[in-house]
Every structure is written in C-alpha cells, then in structure tokens.
C-alpha cells in the first residue's frame, strides 16, 4: 500500500512541476515536451554560412534563370514584334482594345506622358514652360506613320532620336504600355478627324446636317 502512496505523491509532484506554474512569469523558455520542428536548423535571410566560399547563406540566381510564369514568350505583347521580327501593326492578338483599355491608357498617359507631350499630344506639356521645347507632336507625319509596335518599343526603351524620352519599362507593365499606345492612337485620331468622319445619326447632336 505504501507504494501506492509513494507513486501517487510522485505523480502529484511531477504534475505540479509541469503544470502547476503555467501562467507564471519567467525569463526562462517554456518547457516543451514535444518540440516538433520548432527549433530545426535553418538559415535566416542574409545570414552567414561557412559552407559556401563567399560566406553567404543567400545564393545568387543561376545565369539565365527566369521566374516561373514570366517567360514572356508572346513577342507581340512583350516586344511589339511579330514572330518574323516585323513590328506589330495595330495591337497584339492577346489584347482586347475596348473602353476599359482606353481608360487605363488615359490614366497612365496623364501620369507619365502628359507632363511632356501635353493633354492632347501636341507636345505642349508643362515641361515646355521650363525649357524643354523639343517634345514632338503625335500628329506630325512621322509619328502618324509609326506602327503600334514602334510606339510600344519607344515607351519600353526610350527614343534614340530624342534623348529626353527615357525608357518607361520600369514604370509601366507591358499591358499598360499597350493601353498608352491605344490612347495615343485616340489622340491622333482626334486631331486628324473631320466632319465627314461623324456618323450621320450623330451629326444632329453636333448641329450638323
């Protein structure tokens, strides 16, 4: 019988030792009966490592590596060119040119293009008041003849002819660049339009016969 008392007392002492002080304040780490993988060996970001020759745990990317899903195999969408290397005339097949795309293009144009090219694309932006007078108009003959792919390439890589036109690839994703192209086309069309372009059913709205 005394063994029963002994083991009972031992169990109580163990239970109090393990559970009796839960909730009390202590500077020591808590007792973990089953630590699982909480304290596994691992490298933290930018930590040192004696295993590698350069002493870094972070490893550089292998040459030529491309993030999964970012191969950008669509040359029309990402480079403005067809598979044969010619410029895209119009827009990539992967894009739908609609009011939503034009609205996006107008928004991006207002932020990134309007300061130099002006609200209507005539080259009379706010920068002209501060000495930058070489910004061309979208309505001149050379730019009216540019293909959509060429305009896209200029937005992406900047202009060879005008050193003030810097690349915007770091600010506009390819889809947004095409949206800007669509809006530029709308600005060009607006400056080239005539009364003859107005559909007959809409002429009365403008006071035309």
C-alpha atoms as a PDB file:
ATOM      1  CA  UNK A   1       0.000   0.000   0.000  1.00  0.00           C
ATOM      2  CA  UNK A   2       2.862   2.325   0.757  1.00  0.00           C
ATOM      3  CA  UNK A   3       3.974   2.007  -2.874  1.00  0.00           C
ATOM      4  CA  UNK A   4       0.589   3.386  -3.927  1.00  0.00           C
ATOM      5  CA  UNK A   5       1.134   6.431  -1.704  1.00  0.00           C
ATOM      6  CA  UNK A   6       4.660   6.823  -2.998  1.00  0.00           C
ATOM      7  CA  UNK A   7       3.708   6.757  -6.656  1.00  0.00           C
ATOM      8  CA  UNK A   8       0.704   8.992  -6.009  1.00  0.00           C
ATOM      9  CA  UNK A   9       2.905  11.553  -4.312  1.00  0.00           C
ATOM     10  CA  UNK A  10       5.456  11.291  -7.122  1.00  0.00           C
ATOM     11  CA  UNK A  11       2.737  11.855  -9.719  1.00  0.00           C
ATOM     12  CA  UNK A  12       1.443  14.919  -7.848  1.00  0.00           C
ATOM     13  CA  UNK A  13       4.947  16.379  -7.631  1.00  0.00           C
ATOM     14  CA  UNK A  14       5.528  15.792 -11.334  1.00  0.00           C
ATOM     15  CA  UNK A  15       2.139  17.224 -12.249  1.00  0.00           C
ATOM     16  CA  UNK A  16       2.727  20.338 -10.160  1.00  0.00           C
ATOM     17  CA  UNK A  17       6.244  20.687 -11.591  1.00  0.00           C
ATOM     18  CA  UNK A  18       4.990  20.521 -15.164  1.00  0.00           C
ATOM     19  CA  UNK A  19       1.566  22.147 -14.973  1.00  0.00           C
ATOM     20  CA  UNK A  20       1.358  23.931 -11.658  1.00  0.00           C
ATOM     21  CA  UNK A  21       3.302  27.013 -12.699  1.00  0.00           C
ATOM     22  CA  UNK A  22       1.613  27.628 -16.038  1.00  0.00           C
ATOM     23  CA  UNK A  23       0.806  31.315 -16.442  1.00  0.00           C
ATOM     24  CA  UNK A  24       3.512  32.468 -14.083  1.00  0.00           C
ATOM     25  CA  UNK A  25       6.098  34.990 -15.317  1.00  0.00           C
ATOM     26  CA  UNK A  26       9.550  33.635 -16.039  1.00  0.00           C
ATOM     27  CA  UNK A  27      12.575  34.680 -18.054  1.00  0.00           C
ATOM     28  CA  UNK A  28      13.337  31.069 -18.910  1.00  0.00           C
ATOM     29  CA  UNK A  29      11.980  29.453 -22.097  1.00  0.00           C
ATOM     30  CA  UNK A  30       8.898  27.289 -21.584  1.00  0.00           C
ATOM     31  CA  UNK A  31       9.219  23.566 -21.171  1.00  0.00           C
ATOM     32  CA  UNK A  32       8.482  21.791 -24.425  1.00  0.00           C
ATOM     33  CA  UNK A  33       7.711  18.126 -24.085  1.00  0.00           C
ATOM     34  CA  UNK A  34       7.167  17.726 -27.827  1.00  0.00           C
ATOM     35  CA  UNK A  35       9.125  20.455 -29.666  1.00  0.00           C
ATOM     36  CA  UNK A  36       8.202  19.093 -33.111  1.00  0.00           C
ATOM     37  CA  UNK A  37      10.272  21.126 -35.614  1.00  0.00           C
ATOM     38  CA  UNK A  38      10.190  24.456 -33.788  1.00  0.00           C
ATOM     39  CA  UNK A  39      13.953  24.562 -33.400  1.00  0.00           C
ATOM     40  CA  UNK A  40      15.155  22.983 -36.618  1.00  0.00           C
ATOM     41  CA  UNK A  41      18.472  24.023 -38.106  1.00  0.00           C
ATOM     42  CA  UNK A  42      17.955  26.643 -40.812  1.00  0.00           C
ATOM     43  CA  UNK A  43      19.451  29.729 -42.397  1.00  0.00           C
ATOM     44  CA  UNK A  44      17.793  33.078 -41.885  1.00  0.00           C
ATOM     45  CA  UNK A  45      17.727  35.760 -44.651  1.00  0.00           C
ATOM     46  CA  UNK A  46      21.129  37.394 -45.234  1.00  0.00           C
ATOM     47  CA  UNK A  47      22.788  35.128 -42.673  1.00  0.00           C
ATOM     48  CA  UNK A  48      26.383  33.962 -42.925  1.00  0.00           C
ATOM     49  CA  UNK A  49      27.341  30.428 -43.912  1.00  0.00           C
ATOM     50  CA  UNK A  50      30.783  28.822 -43.636  1.00  0.00           C
ATOM     51  CA  UNK A  51      29.678  26.156 -46.121  1.00  0.00           C
ATOM     52  CA  UNK A  52      29.914  28.433 -49.178  1.00  0.00           C
ATOM     53  CA  UNK A  53      33.103  30.064 -50.402  1.00  0.00           C
ATOM     54  CA  UNK A  54      31.643  33.574 -50.345  1.00  0.00           C
ATOM     55  CA  UNK A  55      30.365  33.116 -46.800  1.00  0.00           C
ATOM     56  CA  UNK A  56      26.741  33.920 -47.687  1.00  0.00           C
ATOM     57  CA  UNK A  57      23.698  31.794 -46.984  1.00  0.00           C
ATOM     58  CA  UNK A  58      21.712  33.595 -49.724  1.00  0.00           C
ATOM     59  CA  UNK A  59      22.667  32.130 -53.069  1.00  0.00           C
ATOM     60  CA  UNK A  60      22.715  34.169 -56.305  1.00  0.00           C
ATOM     61  CA  UNK A  61      20.416  33.130 -59.139  1.00  0.00           C
ATOM     62  CA  UNK A  62      21.963  30.922 -61.834  1.00  0.00           C
ATOM     63  CA  UNK A  63      22.756  32.723 -65.115  1.00  0.00           C
ATOM     64  CA  UNK A  64      19.753  32.964 -67.436  1.00  0.00           C
ATOM     65  CA  UNK A  65      17.196  31.921 -64.836  1.00  0.00           C
ATOM     66  CA  UNK A  66      13.618  33.122 -65.452  1.00  0.00           C
ATOM     67  CA  UNK A  67      10.882  33.193 -62.856  1.00  0.00           C
ATOM     68  CA  UNK A  68       8.161  30.628 -63.386  1.00  0.00           C
ATOM     69  CA  UNK A  69       5.292  32.135 -65.343  1.00  0.00           C
ATOM     70  CA  UNK A  70       7.441  35.033 -66.532  1.00  0.00           C
ATOM     71  CA  UNK A  71       8.922  33.635 -69.743  1.00  0.00           C
ATOM     72  CA  UNK A  72       7.188  36.321 -71.825  1.00  0.00           C
ATOM     73  CA  UNK A  73       7.019  34.158 -74.923  1.00  0.00           C
ATOM     74  CA  UNK A  74       4.411  36.372 -76.616  1.00  0.00           C
ATOM     75  CA  UNK A  75       6.627  38.620 -78.770  1.00  0.00           C
ATOM     76  CA  UNK A  76       3.692  40.779 -79.834  1.00  0.00           C
ATOM     77  CA  UNK A  77       2.636  41.564 -76.284  1.00  0.00           C
ATOM     78  CA  UNK A  78       6.054  41.926 -74.675  1.00  0.00           C
ATOM     79  CA  UNK A  79       8.245  43.227 -77.515  1.00  0.00           C
ATOM     80  CA  UNK A  80       5.865  44.778 -80.030  1.00  0.00           C
ATOM     81  CA  UNK A  81       7.079  42.454 -82.766  1.00  0.00           C
ATOM     82  CA  UNK A  82       5.674  39.584 -84.781  1.00  0.00           C
ATOM     83  CA  UNK A  83       7.324  36.170 -84.898  1.00  0.00           C
ATOM     84  CA  UNK A  84       9.160  37.193 -88.092  1.00  0.00           C
ATOM     85  CA  UNK A  85      10.689  40.250 -86.398  1.00  0.00           C
ATOM     86  CA  UNK A  86       8.468  42.870 -88.041  1.00  0.00           C
ATOM     87  CA  UNK A  87       6.686  45.497 -85.986  1.00  0.00           C
ATOM     88  CA  UNK A  88       3.135  44.858 -84.866  1.00  0.00           C
ATOM     89  CA  UNK A  89       0.641  46.953 -86.805  1.00  0.00           C
ATOM     90  CA  UNK A  90      -2.362  47.501 -84.612  1.00  0.00           C
ATOM     91  CA  UNK A  91      -2.349  45.602 -81.320  1.00  0.00           C
ATOM     92  CA  UNK A  92      -1.322  42.137 -80.041  1.00  0.00           C
ATOM     93  CA  UNK A  93      -3.829  39.370 -80.529  1.00  0.00           C
ATOM     94  CA  UNK A  94      -3.787  38.756 -76.757  1.00  0.00           C
ATOM     95  CA  UNK A  95      -5.250  42.208 -76.043  1.00  0.00           C
ATOM     96  CA  UNK A  96      -8.821  43.417 -76.415  1.00  0.00           C
ATOM     97  CA  UNK A  97      -8.985  47.080 -77.350  1.00  0.00           C
ATOM     98  CA  UNK A  98     -12.080  48.407 -75.608  1.00  0.00           C
ATOM     99  CA  UNK A  99     -13.227  51.325 -73.461  1.00  0.00           C
ATOM    100  CA  UNK A 100     -11.599  49.783 -70.387  1.00  0.00           C
ATOM    101  CA  UNK A 101      -8.195  49.632 -72.085  1.00  0.00           C
ATOM    102  CA  UNK A 102      -8.552  53.219 -73.323  1.00  0.00           C
ATOM    103  CA  UNK A 103      -9.491  54.413 -69.839  1.00  0.00           C
ATOM    104  CA  UNK A 104      -6.428  52.696 -68.414  1.00  0.00           C
ATOM    105  CA  UNK A 105      -4.299  54.220 -71.132  1.00  0.00           C
ATOM    106  CA  UNK A 106      -5.650  57.687 -70.402  1.00  0.00           C
ATOM    107  CA  UNK A 107      -4.864  57.277 -66.713  1.00  0.00           C
ATOM    108  CA  UNK A 108      -1.280  56.108 -67.359  1.00  0.00           C
ATOM    109  CA  UNK A 109      -0.787  58.747 -70.050  1.00  0.00           C
ATOM    110  CA  UNK A 110      -1.873  61.510 -67.696  1.00  0.00           C
ATOM    111  CA  UNK A 111       0.657  60.392 -65.095  1.00  0.00           C
ATOM    112  CA  UNK A 112       3.695  59.586 -67.228  1.00  0.00           C
ATOM    113  CA  UNK A 113       3.268  61.237 -70.648  1.00  0.00           C
ATOM    114  CA  UNK A 114       1.183  64.358 -70.301  1.00  0.00           C
ATOM    115  CA  UNK A 115       3.839  66.455 -68.479  1.00  0.00           C
ATOM    116  CA  UNK A 116       5.941  66.466 -71.675  1.00  0.00           C
ATOM    117  CA  UNK A 117       3.555  65.588 -74.514  1.00  0.00           C
ATOM    118  CA  UNK A 118       0.584  67.640 -73.341  1.00  0.00           C
ATOM    119  CA  UNK A 119      -3.009  66.683 -72.651  1.00  0.00           C
ATOM    120  CA  UNK A 120      -3.834  66.345 -76.361  1.00  0.00           C
ATOM    121  CA  UNK A 121      -0.458  65.005 -77.512  1.00  0.00           C
ATOM    122  CA  UNK A 122       0.682  68.209 -79.196  1.00  0.00           C
ATOM    123  CA  UNK A 123       3.987  68.442 -77.306  1.00  0.00           C
ATOM    124  CA  UNK A 124       2.877  71.419 -75.218  1.00  0.00           C
ATOM    125  CA  UNK A 125       3.239  69.888 -71.789  1.00  0.00           C
ATOM    126  CA  UNK A 126       4.167  71.677 -68.586  1.00  0.00           C
ATOM    127  CA  UNK A 127       7.852  70.870 -69.132  1.00  0.00           C
ATOM    128  CA  UNK A 128       7.896  73.165 -72.158  1.00  0.00           C
ATOM    129  CA  UNK A 129       7.477  76.106 -69.806  1.00  0.00           C
ATOM    130  CA  UNK A 130      10.761  75.125 -68.177  1.00  0.00           C
ATOM    131  CA  UNK A 131      12.897  74.978 -71.293  1.00  0.00           C
ATOM    132  CA  UNK A 132      12.146  71.507 -72.691  1.00  0.00           C
ATOM    133  CA  UNK A 133      10.949  72.570 -76.117  1.00  0.00           C
ATOM    134  CA  UNK A 134      11.871  69.543 -78.218  1.00  0.00           C
ATOM    135  CA  UNK A 135       8.870  67.363 -77.380  1.00  0.00           C
ATOM    136  CA  UNK A 136       7.221  66.365 -80.683  1.00  0.00           C
ATOM    137  CA  UNK A 137       3.543  66.288 -81.515  1.00  0.00           C
ATOM    138  CA  UNK A 138       1.849  62.940 -82.077  1.00  0.00           C
ATOM    139  CA  UNK A 139       0.103  64.499 -85.083  1.00  0.00           C
ATOM    140  CA  UNK A 140       3.247  65.030 -87.176  1.00  0.00           C
ATOM    141  CA  UNK A 141       3.659  62.887 -90.270  1.00  0.00           C
ATOM    142  CA  UNK A 142       6.461  60.668 -88.951  1.00  0.00           C
ATOM    143  CA  UNK A 143       4.625  59.686 -85.790  1.00  0.00           C
ATOM    144  CA  UNK A 144       1.343  59.169 -87.575  1.00  0.00           C
ATOM    145  CA  UNK A 145       3.115  56.551 -89.703  1.00  0.00           C
ATOM    146  CA  UNK A 146       4.636  54.712 -86.742  1.00  0.00           C
ATOM    147  CA  UNK A 147       3.250  51.250 -86.121  1.00  0.00           C
ATOM    148  CA  UNK A 148       1.817  50.297 -82.755  1.00  0.00           C
ATOM    149  CA  UNK A 149       4.847  48.119 -82.117  1.00  0.00           C
ATOM    150  CA  UNK A 150       7.230  51.025 -82.719  1.00  0.00           C
ATOM    151  CA  UNK A 151       5.358  53.251 -80.265  1.00  0.00           C
ATOM    152  CA  UNK A 152       5.376  50.401 -77.746  1.00  0.00           C
ATOM    153  CA  UNK A 153       9.135  49.986 -78.237  1.00  0.00           C
ATOM    154  CA  UNK A 154       9.716  53.706 -77.684  1.00  0.00           C
ATOM    155  CA  UNK A 155       7.781  53.585 -74.420  1.00  0.00           C
ATOM    156  CA  UNK A 156       9.737  50.500 -73.397  1.00  0.00           C
ATOM    157  CA  UNK A 157      13.268  51.515 -74.372  1.00  0.00           C
ATOM    158  CA  UNK A 158      13.109  55.274 -74.851  1.00  0.00           C
ATOM    159  CA  UNK A 159      13.792  57.211 -78.024  1.00  0.00           C
ATOM    160  CA  UNK A 160      17.045  57.079 -79.972  1.00  0.00           C
ATOM    161  CA  UNK A 161      16.255  60.391 -81.689  1.00  0.00           C
ATOM    162  CA  UNK A 162      15.116  62.294 -78.609  1.00  0.00           C
ATOM    163  CA  UNK A 163      17.356  61.717 -75.600  1.00  0.00           C
ATOM    164  CA  UNK A 164      14.780  63.357 -73.324  1.00  0.00           C
ATOM    165  CA  UNK A 165      12.444  60.407 -73.935  1.00  0.00           C
ATOM    166  CA  UNK A 166      13.658  57.889 -71.352  1.00  0.00           C
ATOM    167  CA  UNK A 167      12.511  54.248 -71.078  1.00  0.00           C
ATOM    168  CA  UNK A 168       9.383  53.606 -69.041  1.00  0.00           C
ATOM    169  CA  UNK A 169       9.601  49.816 -68.801  1.00  0.00           C
ATOM    170  CA  UNK A 170      10.301  50.087 -65.075  1.00  0.00           C
ATOM    171  CA  UNK A 171       7.136  52.122 -64.533  1.00  0.00           C
ATOM    172  CA  UNK A 172       4.622  50.593 -66.939  1.00  0.00           C
ATOM    173  CA  UNK A 173       3.961  46.878 -67.330  1.00  0.00           C
ATOM    174  CA  UNK A 174       3.580  45.717 -70.971  1.00  0.00           C
ATOM    175  CA  UNK A 175      -0.222  45.746 -70.837  1.00  0.00           C
ATOM    176  CA  UNK A 176      -0.175  49.344 -69.595  1.00  0.00           C
ATOM    177  CA  UNK A 177       2.235  50.333 -72.367  1.00  0.00           C
ATOM    178  CA  UNK A 178      -0.218  48.996 -74.931  1.00  0.00           C
ATOM    179  CA  UNK A 179      -3.009  50.863 -73.147  1.00  0.00           C
ATOM    180  CA  UNK A 180      -0.985  54.066 -73.597  1.00  0.00           C
ATOM    181  CA  UNK A 181      -0.490  53.192 -77.279  1.00  0.00           C
ATOM    182  CA  UNK A 182      -4.260  52.852 -77.636  1.00  0.00           C
ATOM    183  CA  UNK A 183      -4.797  56.247 -76.022  1.00  0.00           C
ATOM    184  CA  UNK A 184      -2.115  57.857 -78.200  1.00  0.00           C
ATOM    185  CA  UNK A 185      -3.941  56.485 -81.248  1.00  0.00           C
ATOM    186  CA  UNK A 186      -7.140  58.051 -79.923  1.00  0.00           C
ATOM    187  CA  UNK A 187      -5.372  61.408 -79.547  1.00  0.00           C
ATOM    188  CA  UNK A 188      -4.001  61.143 -83.083  1.00  0.00           C
ATOM    189  CA  UNK A 189      -7.411  60.260 -84.437  1.00  0.00           C
ATOM    190  CA  UNK A 190      -8.970  63.186 -82.607  1.00  0.00           C
ATOM    191  CA  UNK A 191      -6.546  65.629 -84.229  1.00  0.00           C
ATOM    192  CA  UNK A 192      -7.000  64.140 -87.688  1.00  0.00           C
ATOM    193  CA  UNK A 193     -10.776  63.799 -87.603  1.00  0.00           C
ATOM    194  CA  UNK A 194     -13.102  65.811 -89.847  1.00  0.00           C
ATOM    195  CA  UNK A 195     -16.831  66.420 -90.079  1.00  0.00           C
ATOM    196  CA  UNK A 196     -17.005  63.685 -92.694  1.00  0.00           C
ATOM    197  CA  UNK A 197     -15.967  61.145 -90.029  1.00  0.00           C
ATOM    198  CA  UNK A 198     -19.062  61.813 -87.908  1.00  0.00           C
ATOM    199  CA  UNK A 199     -21.739  59.119 -88.468  1.00  0.00           C
ATOM    200  CA  UNK A 200     -24.934  60.565 -89.978  1.00  0.00           C
ATOM    201  CA  UNK A 201     -27.051  59.608 -86.975  1.00  0.00           C
ATOM    202  CA  UNK A 202     -24.812  61.669 -84.662  1.00  0.00           C
ATOM    203  CA  UNK A 203     -24.483  64.806 -86.794  1.00  0.00           C
ATOM    204  CA  UNK A 204     -27.679  66.412 -85.406  1.00  0.00           C
ATOM    205  CA  UNK A 205     -26.134  66.189 -81.910  1.00  0.00           C
ATOM    206  CA  UNK A 206     -23.338  68.483 -83.161  1.00  0.00           C
ATOM    207  CA  UNK A 207     -25.655  70.820 -85.053  1.00  0.00           C
ATOM    208  CA  UNK A 208     -24.573  69.378 -88.388  1.00  0.00           C
ATOM    209  CA  UNK A 209     -26.688  68.389 -91.345  1.00  0.00           C
END
